[in-house]
Amino acid sequence: MRESRINELLRKIENLKRTNCKKIIDNRIREFESIIKENSSRRIISELFFCILTANFNAERSIKIQTKIGEGFLKLRDNELASILKDCGHRFPNTRAKFICEAREIDKEILEKIRSIRNEHDELEVREWLVKNVKGLGYKEASHFLRNIGFKNLAIIDFHIVDILERYRVIKRPKNLGRKNYLKIESVLKELARKTNLTLAELDLYLWFLETGKILKWF
């Protein structure tokens, strides 16, 4: 029974690859890749701030906030930023403003780490560094950031992904998404990616679409 449910999920992904959904996802991936190819410090750091905003908050609302604040993320003081975040309805305006301003203080080191990535192993190492050194980033947010600037070998595991994997009996719902459980689920997703001939970045977008009917992001 479990195997049949997993195969059903694989079939749904394969069916999506034969629809317009594939074109949309391929375009999103190219848009993500354009950031690292352009090597724009502003765009890279702006995407970091966006991913800090999304922690325990709605991604669509974070996109709207990112669009509204724009360059303000790079120069506003923490109290000014917190005030705008509060007006925009963010759940944690003071904490997120503080995290963003603290990340600005080490932006050169962050950019150096990003530009040092050459392979999948480097992606894993840089994610570990981000989680340890950038307040407001857990494994999900650090993976989200790296995916959104063009890297493809990390899984973005949130409750939407856990829900669909549990429903198709790919995993049992973990009690938490600490490092051990996160990496365990990521290894399962790597196998799904292999079976569907997708990168983890692409697989995430297909699973997100299956679960929500949406493919989020672009500015």
C-alpha atoms as a PDB file:
ATOM      1  CA  MET A   1       0.000   0.000   0.000  1.00  0.00           C
ATOM      2  CA  ARG A   2       2.784   2.443   0.910  1.00  0.00           C
ATOM      3  CA  GLU A   3       4.625   1.711  -2.327  1.00  0.00           C
ATOM      4  CA  SER A   4       1.479   2.276  -4.389  1.00  0.00           C
ATOM      5  CA  ARG A   5       0.945   5.676  -2.747  1.00  0.00           C
ATOM      6  CA  ILE A   6       4.543   6.717  -3.447  1.00  0.00           C
ATOM      7  CA  ASN A   7       4.148   5.590  -7.069  1.00  0.00           C
ATOM      8  CA  GLU A   8       0.960   7.647  -7.283  1.00  0.00           C
ATOM      9  CA  LEU A   9       2.901  10.738  -6.213  1.00  0.00           C
ATOM     10  CA  LEU A  10       5.611   9.992  -8.771  1.00  0.00           C
ATOM     11  CA  ARG A  11       2.956   9.650 -11.495  1.00  0.00           C
ATOM     12  CA  LYS A  12       1.412  12.988 -10.545  1.00  0.00           C
ATOM     13  CA  ILE A  13       4.782  14.689 -10.816  1.00  0.00           C
ATOM     14  CA  GLU A  14       5.419  13.053 -14.195  1.00  0.00           C
ATOM     15  CA  ASN A  15       1.976  14.151 -15.395  1.00  0.00           C
ATOM     16  CA  LEU A  16       2.697  17.743 -14.338  1.00  0.00           C
ATOM     17  CA  LYS A  17       5.905  17.638 -16.368  1.00  0.00           C
ATOM     18  CA  ARG A  18       3.718  17.186 -19.454  1.00  0.00           C
ATOM     19  CA  THR A  19       1.650  20.316 -18.745  1.00  0.00           C
ATOM     20  CA  ASN A  20       2.234  24.068 -18.840  1.00  0.00           C
ATOM     21  CA  CYS A  21       3.363  23.755 -15.233  1.00  0.00           C
ATOM     22  CA  LYS A  22       6.753  22.552 -16.489  1.00  0.00           C
ATOM     23  CA  LYS A  23       7.241  25.714 -18.548  1.00  0.00           C
ATOM     24  CA  ILE A  24       6.398  27.912 -15.550  1.00  0.00           C
ATOM     25  CA  ILE A  25       8.752  25.989 -13.263  1.00  0.00           C
ATOM     26  CA  ASP A  26      11.555  26.017 -15.822  1.00  0.00           C
ATOM     27  CA  ASN A  27      11.145  29.790 -16.098  1.00  0.00           C
ATOM     28  CA  ARG A  28      11.270  30.164 -12.315  1.00  0.00           C
ATOM     29  CA  ILE A  29      14.484  28.154 -12.157  1.00  0.00           C
ATOM     30  CA  ARG A  30      16.047  30.335 -14.857  1.00  0.00           C
ATOM     31  CA  GLU A  31      14.971  33.442 -12.943  1.00  0.00           C
ATOM     32  CA  PHE A  32      16.622  32.101  -9.788  1.00  0.00           C
ATOM     33  CA  GLU A  33      19.775  31.249 -11.730  1.00  0.00           C
ATOM     34  CA  SER A  34      19.933  34.762 -13.158  1.00  0.00           C
ATOM     35  CA  ILE A  35      20.745  36.167  -9.717  1.00  0.00           C
ATOM     36  CA  ILE A  36      23.919  34.165  -9.190  1.00  0.00           C
ATOM     37  CA  LYS A  37      24.922  34.577 -12.845  1.00  0.00           C
ATOM     38  CA  GLU A  38      24.478  38.325 -12.593  1.00  0.00           C
ATOM     39  CA  ASN A  39      26.499  38.191  -9.365  1.00  0.00           C
ATOM     40  CA  SER A  40      24.633  41.231  -8.025  1.00  0.00           C
ATOM     41  CA  SER A  41      25.415  41.869  -4.370  1.00  0.00           C
ATOM     42  CA  ARG A  42      22.186  43.820  -3.957  1.00  0.00           C
ATOM     43  CA  ARG A  43      19.972  41.081  -5.381  1.00  0.00           C
ATOM     44  CA  ILE A  44      21.691  38.325  -3.398  1.00  0.00           C
ATOM     45  CA  ILE A  45      21.400  40.172  -0.086  1.00  0.00           C
ATOM     46  CA  SER A  46      17.838  41.280  -0.857  1.00  0.00           C
ATOM     47  CA  GLU A  47      16.880  37.631  -1.321  1.00  0.00           C
ATOM     48  CA  LEU A  48      18.505  36.791   2.015  1.00  0.00           C
ATOM     49  CA  PHE A  49      16.334  39.399   3.734  1.00  0.00           C
ATOM     50  CA  PHE A  50      13.238  38.009   2.016  1.00  0.00           C
ATOM     51  CA  CYS A  51      13.992  34.528   3.379  1.00  0.00           C
ATOM     52  CA  ILE A  52      14.467  35.956   6.883  1.00  0.00           C
ATOM     53  CA  LEU A  53      10.981  37.457   6.550  1.00  0.00           C
ATOM     54  CA  THR A  54       9.402  34.129   5.559  1.00  0.00           C
ATOM     55  CA  ALA A  55      10.361  32.258   8.759  1.00  0.00           C
ATOM     56  CA  ASN A  56       7.077  31.321  10.482  1.00  0.00           C
ATOM     57  CA  PHE A  57       5.260  33.711   8.173  1.00  0.00           C
ATOM     58  CA  ASN A  58       3.352  33.619   4.889  1.00  0.00           C
ATOM     59  CA  ALA A  59       5.553  33.575   1.775  1.00  0.00           C
ATOM     60  CA  GLU A  60       3.076  35.465  -0.412  1.00  0.00           C
ATOM     61  CA  ARG A  61       2.775  38.270   2.138  1.00  0.00           C
ATOM     62  CA  SER A  62       6.564  38.337   2.438  1.00  0.00           C
ATOM     63  CA  ILE A  63       6.809  38.876  -1.333  1.00  0.00           C
ATOM     64  CA  LYS A  64       4.469  41.855  -1.063  1.00  0.00           C
ATOM     65  CA  ILE A  65       6.498  43.297   1.820  1.00  0.00           C
ATOM     66  CA  GLN A  66       9.749  42.788  -0.092  1.00  0.00           C
ATOM     67  CA  THR A  67       8.297  44.607  -3.091  1.00  0.00           C
ATOM     68  CA  LYS A  68       7.026  47.488  -0.954  1.00  0.00           C
ATOM     69  CA  ILE A  69      10.225  48.057   1.075  1.00  0.00           C
ATOM     70  CA  GLY A  70      12.683  47.428  -1.762  1.00  0.00           C
ATOM     71  CA  GLU A  71      15.982  49.254  -1.202  1.00  0.00           C
ATOM     72  CA  GLY A  72      14.881  50.119   2.321  1.00  0.00           C
ATOM     73  CA  PHE A  73      16.082  46.697   3.432  1.00  0.00           C
ATOM     74  CA  LEU A  74      19.623  47.846   2.641  1.00  0.00           C
ATOM     75  CA  LYS A  75      19.611  51.155   4.509  1.00  0.00           C
ATOM     76  CA  LEU A  76      16.758  51.595   7.016  1.00  0.00           C
ATOM     77  CA  ARG A  77      17.584  51.462  10.716  1.00  0.00           C
ATOM     78  CA  ASP A  78      16.058  48.606  12.697  1.00  0.00           C
ATOM     79  CA  ASN A  79      13.361  50.762  14.346  1.00  0.00           C
ATOM     80  CA  GLU A  80      12.368  52.249  10.968  1.00  0.00           C
ATOM     81  CA  LEU A  81      12.257  48.825   9.356  1.00  0.00           C
ATOM     82  CA  ALA A  82      10.307  47.357  12.283  1.00  0.00           C
ATOM     83  CA  SER A  83       7.710  50.126  11.977  1.00  0.00           C
ATOM     84  CA  ILE A  84       7.157  49.381   8.282  1.00  0.00           C
ATOM     85  CA  LEU A  85       7.019  45.628   8.874  1.00  0.00           C
ATOM     86  CA  LYS A  86       4.415  46.198  11.575  1.00  0.00           C
ATOM     87  CA  ASP A  87       2.351  48.389   9.249  1.00  0.00           C
ATOM     88  CA  CYS A  88       2.592  45.637   6.608  1.00  0.00           C
ATOM     89  CA  GLY A  89       1.201  43.101   9.067  1.00  0.00           C
ATOM     90  CA  HIS A  90       4.292  40.983   9.701  1.00  0.00           C
ATOM     91  CA  ARG A  91       3.920  38.760  12.760  1.00  0.00           C
ATOM     92  CA  PHE A  92       7.390  39.509  14.114  1.00  0.00           C
ATOM     93  CA  PRO A  93       8.326  43.052  13.020  1.00  0.00           C
ATOM     94  CA  ASN A  94      10.859  43.836  15.734  1.00  0.00           C
ATOM     95  CA  THR A  95      12.682  40.504  15.636  1.00  0.00           C
ATOM     96  CA  ARG A  96      12.851  40.321  11.848  1.00  0.00           C
ATOM     97  CA  ALA A  97      14.044  43.937  11.571  1.00  0.00           C
ATOM     98  CA  LYS A  98      16.777  43.175  14.100  1.00  0.00           C
ATOM     99  CA  PHE A  99      17.864  40.024  12.235  1.00  0.00           C
ATOM    100  CA  ILE A 100      17.961  41.861   8.895  1.00  0.00           C
ATOM    101  CA  CYS A 101      20.049  44.715  10.294  1.00  0.00           C
ATOM    102  CA  GLU A 102      22.450  42.266  11.941  1.00  0.00           C
ATOM    103  CA  ALA A 103      22.802  40.354   8.672  1.00  0.00           C
ATOM    104  CA  ARG A 104      23.723  43.605   6.926  1.00  0.00           C
ATOM    105  CA  GLU A 105      26.725  43.891   9.236  1.00  0.00           C
ATOM    106  CA  ILE A 106      28.208  40.667   7.847  1.00  0.00           C
ATOM    107  CA  ASP A 107      26.983  41.033   4.256  1.00  0.00           C
ATOM    108  CA  LYS A 108      30.513  40.969   2.804  1.00  0.00           C
ATOM    109  CA  GLU A 109      31.260  37.674   4.553  1.00  0.00           C
ATOM    110  CA  ILE A 110      27.936  36.234   3.382  1.00  0.00           C
ATOM    111  CA  LEU A 111      28.667  37.238  -0.213  1.00  0.00           C
ATOM    112  CA  GLU A 112      32.148  35.747   0.015  1.00  0.00           C
ATOM    113  CA  LYS A 113      30.677  32.438   1.155  1.00  0.00           C
ATOM    114  CA  ILE A 114      28.072  32.453  -1.635  1.00  0.00           C
ATOM    115  CA  ARG A 115      30.689  33.179  -4.288  1.00  0.00           C
ATOM    116  CA  SER A 116      32.876  30.344  -3.021  1.00  0.00           C
ATOM    117  CA  ILE A 117      30.287  27.695  -3.966  1.00  0.00           C
ATOM    118  CA  ARG A 118      31.515  25.413  -6.733  1.00  0.00           C
ATOM    119  CA  ASN A 119      29.643  22.146  -6.186  1.00  0.00           C
ATOM    120  CA  GLU A 120      26.967  20.344  -4.158  1.00  0.00           C
ATOM    121  CA  HIS A 121      29.317  19.772  -1.213  1.00  0.00           C
ATOM    122  CA  ASP A 122      29.990  23.512  -1.060  1.00  0.00           C
ATOM    123  CA  GLU A 123      26.247  24.196  -1.000  1.00  0.00           C
ATOM    124  CA  LEU A 124      25.879  21.964   2.058  1.00  0.00           C
ATOM    125  CA  GLU A 125      28.808  23.629   3.804  1.00  0.00           C
ATOM    126  CA  VAL A 126      27.575  27.145   3.086  1.00  0.00           C
ATOM    127  CA  ARG A 127      24.102  26.225   4.366  1.00  0.00           C
ATOM    128  CA  GLU A 128      25.643  25.044   7.626  1.00  0.00           C
ATOM    129  CA  TRP A 129      27.575  28.311   7.864  1.00  0.00           C
ATOM    130  CA  LEU A 130      24.460  30.389   7.221  1.00  0.00           C
ATOM    131  CA  VAL A 131      22.453  28.548   9.874  1.00  0.00           C
ATOM    132  CA  LYS A 132      25.217  29.094  12.426  1.00  0.00           C
ATOM    133  CA  ASN A 133      26.049  32.696  11.548  1.00  0.00           C
ATOM    134  CA  VAL A 134      22.916  34.450  10.291  1.00  0.00           C
ATOM    135  CA  LYS A 135      20.248  34.943  12.943  1.00  0.00           C
ATOM    136  CA  GLY A 136      16.778  34.155  11.655  1.00  0.00           C
ATOM    137  CA  LEU A 137      17.894  31.398   9.282  1.00  0.00           C
ATOM    138  CA  GLY A 138      17.159  27.774  10.029  1.00  0.00           C
ATOM    139  CA  TYR A 139      17.749  24.931   7.577  1.00  0.00           C
ATOM    140  CA  LYS A 140      14.554  25.706   5.668  1.00  0.00           C
ATOM    141  CA  GLU A 141      15.277  29.421   5.314  1.00  0.00           C
ATOM    142  CA  ALA A 142      18.950  28.906   4.419  1.00  0.00           C
ATOM    143  CA  SER A 143      17.952  26.329   1.786  1.00  0.00           C
ATOM    144  CA  HIS A 144      15.243  28.659   0.498  1.00  0.00           C
ATOM    145  CA  PHE A 145      17.763  31.479   0.163  1.00  0.00           C
ATOM    146  CA  LEU A 146      20.289  29.376  -1.721  1.00  0.00           C
ATOM    147  CA  ARG A 147      17.610  27.969  -4.041  1.00  0.00           C
ATOM    148  CA  ASN A 148      16.235  31.445  -4.755  1.00  0.00           C
ATOM    149  CA  ILE A 149      19.626  32.701  -5.916  1.00  0.00           C
ATOM    150  CA  GLY A 150      20.203  29.767  -8.248  1.00  0.00           C
ATOM    151  CA  PHE A 151      21.531  26.743  -6.362  1.00  0.00           C
ATOM    152  CA  LYS A 152      19.726  23.450  -6.890  1.00  0.00           C
ATOM    153  CA  ASN A 153      20.869  20.753  -4.479  1.00  0.00           C
ATOM    154  CA  LEU A 154      19.113  21.605  -1.210  1.00  0.00           C
ATOM    155  CA  ALA A 155      15.581  20.799  -0.054  1.00  0.00           C
ATOM    156  CA  ILE A 156      13.199  23.439   1.284  1.00  0.00           C
ATOM    157  CA  ILE A 157      11.197  21.515   3.858  1.00  0.00           C
ATOM    158  CA  ASP A 158       8.189  23.299   5.342  1.00  0.00           C
ATOM    159  CA  PHE A 159       4.776  22.090   6.517  1.00  0.00           C
ATOM    160  CA  HIS A 160       3.440  22.048   2.932  1.00  0.00           C
ATOM    161  CA  ILE A 161       6.167  19.597   1.907  1.00  0.00           C
ATOM    162  CA  VAL A 162       5.787  17.523   5.086  1.00  0.00           C
ATOM    163  CA  ASP A 163       2.007  17.364   4.531  1.00  0.00           C
ATOM    164  CA  ILE A 164       2.244  16.024   0.987  1.00  0.00           C
ATOM    165  CA  LEU A 165       5.026  13.556   1.818  1.00  0.00           C
ATOM    166  CA  GLU A 166       3.030  12.248   4.770  1.00  0.00           C
ATOM    167  CA  ARG A 167      -0.180  11.994   2.755  1.00  0.00           C
ATOM    168  CA  TYR A 168       1.535   9.839   0.139  1.00  0.00           C
ATOM    169  CA  ARG A 169       3.229   7.807   2.873  1.00  0.00           C
ATOM    170  CA  VAL A 170       6.711   8.822   1.792  1.00  0.00           C
ATOM    171  CA  ILE A 171       7.554   9.789   5.392  1.00  0.00           C
ATOM    172  CA  LYS A 172       6.050   9.735   8.851  1.00  0.00           C
ATOM    173  CA  ARG A 173       5.442  13.216  10.236  1.00  0.00           C
ATOM    174  CA  PRO A 174       8.379  14.192  12.470  1.00  0.00           C
ATOM    175  CA  LYS A 175       7.879  15.794  15.877  1.00  0.00           C
ATOM    176  CA  ASN A 176      10.119  18.656  14.808  1.00  0.00           C
ATOM    177  CA  LEU A 177      12.307  19.799  11.924  1.00  0.00           C
ATOM    178  CA  GLY A 178      15.578  19.964  13.784  1.00  0.00           C
ATOM    179  CA  ARG A 179      18.792  19.214  11.953  1.00  0.00           C
ATOM    180  CA  LYS A 180      18.549  15.408  12.231  1.00  0.00           C
ATOM    181  CA  ASN A 181      14.969  15.181  10.930  1.00  0.00           C
ATOM    182  CA  TYR A 182      15.561  17.845   8.288  1.00  0.00           C
ATOM    183  CA  LEU A 183      18.524  15.994   6.797  1.00  0.00           C
ATOM    184  CA  LYS A 184      16.655  12.684   6.989  1.00  0.00           C
ATOM    185  CA  ILE A 185      13.705  14.070   4.992  1.00  0.00           C
ATOM    186  CA  GLU A 186      16.116  15.774   2.605  1.00  0.00           C
ATOM    187  CA  SER A 187      17.679  12.403   1.812  1.00  0.00           C
ATOM    188  CA  VAL A 188      14.201  11.035   1.004  1.00  0.00           C
ATOM    189  CA  LEU A 189      13.561  13.993  -1.287  1.00  0.00           C
ATOM    190  CA  LYS A 190      16.884  13.384  -3.024  1.00  0.00           C
ATOM    191  CA  GLU A 191      15.668   9.889  -3.904  1.00  0.00           C
ATOM    192  CA  LEU A 192      12.371  11.303  -5.217  1.00  0.00           C
ATOM    193  CA  ALA A 193      14.339  13.814  -7.276  1.00  0.00           C
ATOM    194  CA  ARG A 194      16.467  11.007  -8.713  1.00  0.00           C
ATOM    195  CA  LYS A 195      13.386   8.968  -9.643  1.00  0.00           C
ATOM    196  CA  THR A 196      11.741  11.939 -11.369  1.00  0.00           C
ATOM    197  CA  ASN A 197      14.951  13.183 -13.011  1.00  0.00           C
ATOM    198  CA  LEU A 198      14.627  16.566 -11.276  1.00  0.00           C
ATOM    199  CA  THR A 199      16.914  18.664  -9.131  1.00  0.00           C
ATOM    200  CA  LEU A 200      15.799  19.290  -5.549  1.00  0.00           C
ATOM    201  CA  ALA A 201      15.070  22.892  -6.559  1.00  0.00           C
ATOM    202  CA  GLU A 202      12.715  21.732  -9.316  1.00  0.00           C
ATOM    203  CA  LEU A 203      11.123  19.014  -7.197  1.00  0.00           C
ATOM    204  CA  ASP A 204      10.266  21.548  -4.499  1.00  0.00           C
ATOM    205  CA  LEU A 205       8.313  23.656  -6.994  1.00  0.00           C
ATOM    206  CA  TYR A 206       6.410  20.624  -8.313  1.00  0.00           C
ATOM    207  CA  LEU A 207       5.516  19.472  -4.798  1.00  0.00           C
ATOM    208  CA  TRP A 208       4.518  23.007  -3.805  1.00  0.00           C
ATOM    209  CA  PHE A 209       2.232  23.190  -6.828  1.00  0.00           C
ATOM    210  CA  LEU A 210       0.660  19.829  -6.048  1.00  0.00           C
ATOM    211  CA  GLU A 211      -0.004  20.941  -2.472  1.00  0.00           C
ATOM    212  CA  THR A 212      -1.033  24.586  -2.994  1.00  0.00           C
ATOM    213  CA  GLY A 213      -1.817  25.029  -6.686  1.00  0.00           C
ATOM    214  CA  LYS A 214       0.698  27.886  -6.794  1.00  0.00           C
ATOM    215  CA  ILE A 215       4.214  28.580  -7.967  1.00  0.00           C
ATOM    216  CA  LEU A 216       5.454  31.591  -6.048  1.00  0.00           C
ATOM    217  CA  LYS A 217       8.098  34.220  -6.739  1.00  0.00           C
ATOM    218  CA  TRP A 218       9.032  36.612  -9.051  1.00  0.00           C
ATOM    219  CA  PHE A 219       9.580  40.249  -8.320  1.00  0.00           C
END
